[in-house]
Amino acid sequence: MNSGPNRLLDELAKLMTDAAGAAQGVRREAETAIQAQLERMLNSMDLVKREEFEAVRDMAIKAREENDALAARLEALEAKGAEKPAAKARAAAKPAAAKRAASKKT
C-alpha cells in the first residue's frame, strides 16, 4: 500500500490531469461555438468571396484596357477627320488664289 503523503500526491496529480483534460474539452467546445457564430455573422453580411472579387477585378482591368484602346482609336479617327476638311480647304484655296493672281495680272 501507498503511504499517506505519496497517496495524497498521487490523488492530487490525478485530479490535476483530469482538470487539464476537462479544460481542453471546454476550450474545444468554446472554439467550435465561436467559429460557428463567426461563420453565421459573415454569411449574414453577404460578403464577396475572394475568387469572385478577383474575377470582377480582372474584368474591370480588361474593360479599362479596351476603353483606353478605343479612346486612342477615336482620337486617331478624329484627327484623320480633322485633316480632311483642312486638306479640302487648302485644295479649294489654291484654285481661288490662282484665279485671284491671274485676275490681278490682267
Protein backbone atom coordinates (compact mmCIF):
# COMPACT_ATOMS: atom_id res chain seq x y z
CA MET A 1 0.00 0.00 0.00
CA ASN A 2 0.94 3.56 -0.57
CA SER A 3 1.89 5.66 2.38
CA GLY A 4 -0.11 8.77 3.26
CA PRO A 5 1.88 11.66 1.68
CA ASN A 6 2.60 9.76 -1.56
CA ARG A 7 -1.02 8.72 -1.91
CA LEU A 8 -2.11 12.31 -1.40
CA LEU A 9 0.30 13.48 -4.11
CA ASP A 10 -0.92 10.74 -6.48
CA GLU A 11 -4.53 11.79 -5.94
CA LEU A 12 -3.62 15.44 -6.46
CA ALA A 13 -1.76 14.61 -9.69
CA LYS A 14 -4.74 12.60 -10.94
CA LEU A 15 -7.09 15.47 -10.09
CA MET A 16 -4.87 17.96 -11.96
CA THR A 17 -4.69 15.68 -15.00
CA ASP A 18 -8.48 15.35 -15.05
CA ALA A 19 -8.87 19.11 -14.65
CA ALA A 20 -6.48 19.76 -17.56
CA GLY A 21 -8.43 17.33 -19.75
CA ALA A 22 -11.70 19.00 -18.81
CA ALA A 23 -10.23 22.44 -19.54
CA GLN A 24 -9.13 21.27 -23.00
CA GLY A 25 -12.62 19.93 -23.67
CA VAL A 26 -14.16 23.25 -22.66
CA ARG A 27 -11.66 25.11 -24.84
CA ARG A 28 -12.52 22.97 -27.88
CA GLU A 29 -16.22 23.43 -27.27
CA ALA A 30 -15.82 27.20 -26.92
CA GLU A 31 -13.74 27.40 -30.11
CA THR A 32 -16.37 25.43 -32.03
CA ALA A 33 -19.18 27.67 -30.74
CA ILE A 34 -17.26 30.86 -31.54
CA GLN A 35 -16.34 29.63 -35.01
CA ALA A 36 -19.97 28.72 -35.77
CA GLN A 37 -21.12 32.15 -34.57
CA LEU A 38 -18.50 33.96 -36.68
CA GLU A 39 -19.45 31.94 -39.76
CA ARG A 40 -23.11 32.83 -39.19
CA MET A 41 -22.22 36.52 -38.88
CA LEU A 42 -20.06 36.50 -42.02
CA ASN A 43 -22.75 34.72 -44.01
CA SER A 44 -25.33 37.29 -42.93
CA MET A 45 -23.04 40.15 -44.04
CA ASP A 46 -23.24 39.00 -47.67
CA LEU A 47 -19.51 39.42 -48.22
CA VAL A 48 -17.85 38.69 -51.55
CA LYS A 49 -15.61 35.65 -51.82
CA ARG A 50 -12.01 36.19 -52.82
CA GLU A 51 -12.39 34.27 -56.10
CA GLU A 52 -15.40 36.38 -57.13
CA PHE A 53 -13.55 39.58 -56.27
CA GLU A 54 -10.52 38.53 -58.34
CA ALA A 55 -12.75 37.65 -61.32
CA VAL A 56 -14.51 41.03 -61.24
CA ARG A 57 -11.18 42.82 -60.81
CA ASP A 58 -9.78 41.06 -63.88
CA MET A 59 -12.89 42.01 -65.85
CA ALA A 60 -12.50 45.65 -64.80
CA ILE A 61 -8.84 45.70 -65.83
CA LYS A 62 -9.71 44.23 -69.22
CA ALA A 63 -12.56 46.72 -69.70
CA ARG A 64 -10.23 49.61 -68.82
CA GLU A 65 -7.64 48.40 -71.35
CA GLU A 66 -10.33 48.10 -74.05
CA ASN A 67 -11.61 51.58 -73.15
CA ASP A 68 -8.11 53.04 -73.49
CA ALA A 69 -7.65 51.32 -76.86
CA LEU A 70 -11.00 52.62 -78.09
CA ALA A 71 -10.18 56.14 -76.86
CA ALA A 72 -6.88 56.08 -78.79
CA ARG A 73 -8.68 54.80 -81.87
CA LEU A 74 -11.31 57.54 -81.57
CA GLU A 75 -8.62 60.20 -81.24
CA ALA A 76 -6.90 58.87 -84.37
CA LEU A 77 -10.16 58.90 -86.31
CA GLU A 78 -10.98 62.41 -85.11
CA ALA A 79 -7.50 63.59 -86.10
CA LYS A 80 -7.91 61.97 -89.50
CA GLY A 81 -11.35 63.56 -89.85
CA ALA A 82 -9.96 66.98 -88.93
CA GLU A 83 -7.24 66.62 -91.58
CA LYS A 84 -9.73 66.05 -94.42
CA PRO A 85 -11.60 69.38 -94.07
CA ALA A 86 -8.29 71.19 -93.70
CA ALA A 87 -6.96 69.46 -96.81
CA LYS A 88 -10.18 70.33 -98.69
CA ALA A 89 -9.90 73.93 -97.58
CA ARG A 90 -6.29 74.08 -98.77
CA ALA A 91 -7.23 72.47 -102.08
CA ALA A 92 -10.11 74.90 -102.52
CA ALA A 93 -7.88 77.84 -101.58
CA LYS A 94 -5.24 77.02 -104.23
CA PRO A 95 -7.52 77.47 -107.30
CA ALA A 96 -9.08 80.57 -105.75
CA ALA A 97 -5.66 82.03 -105.08
CA ALA A 98 -4.59 81.14 -108.62
CA LYS A 99 -7.69 82.87 -110.03
CA ARG A 100 -7.02 85.98 -107.95
CA ALA A 101 -3.42 86.04 -109.07
CA ALA A 102 -4.49 85.65 -112.70
CA SER A 103 -7.07 88.41 -112.43
CA LYS A 104 -4.51 90.76 -110.87
CA LYS A 105 -2.14 90.16 -113.80
CA THR A 106 -4.70 91.18 -116.34
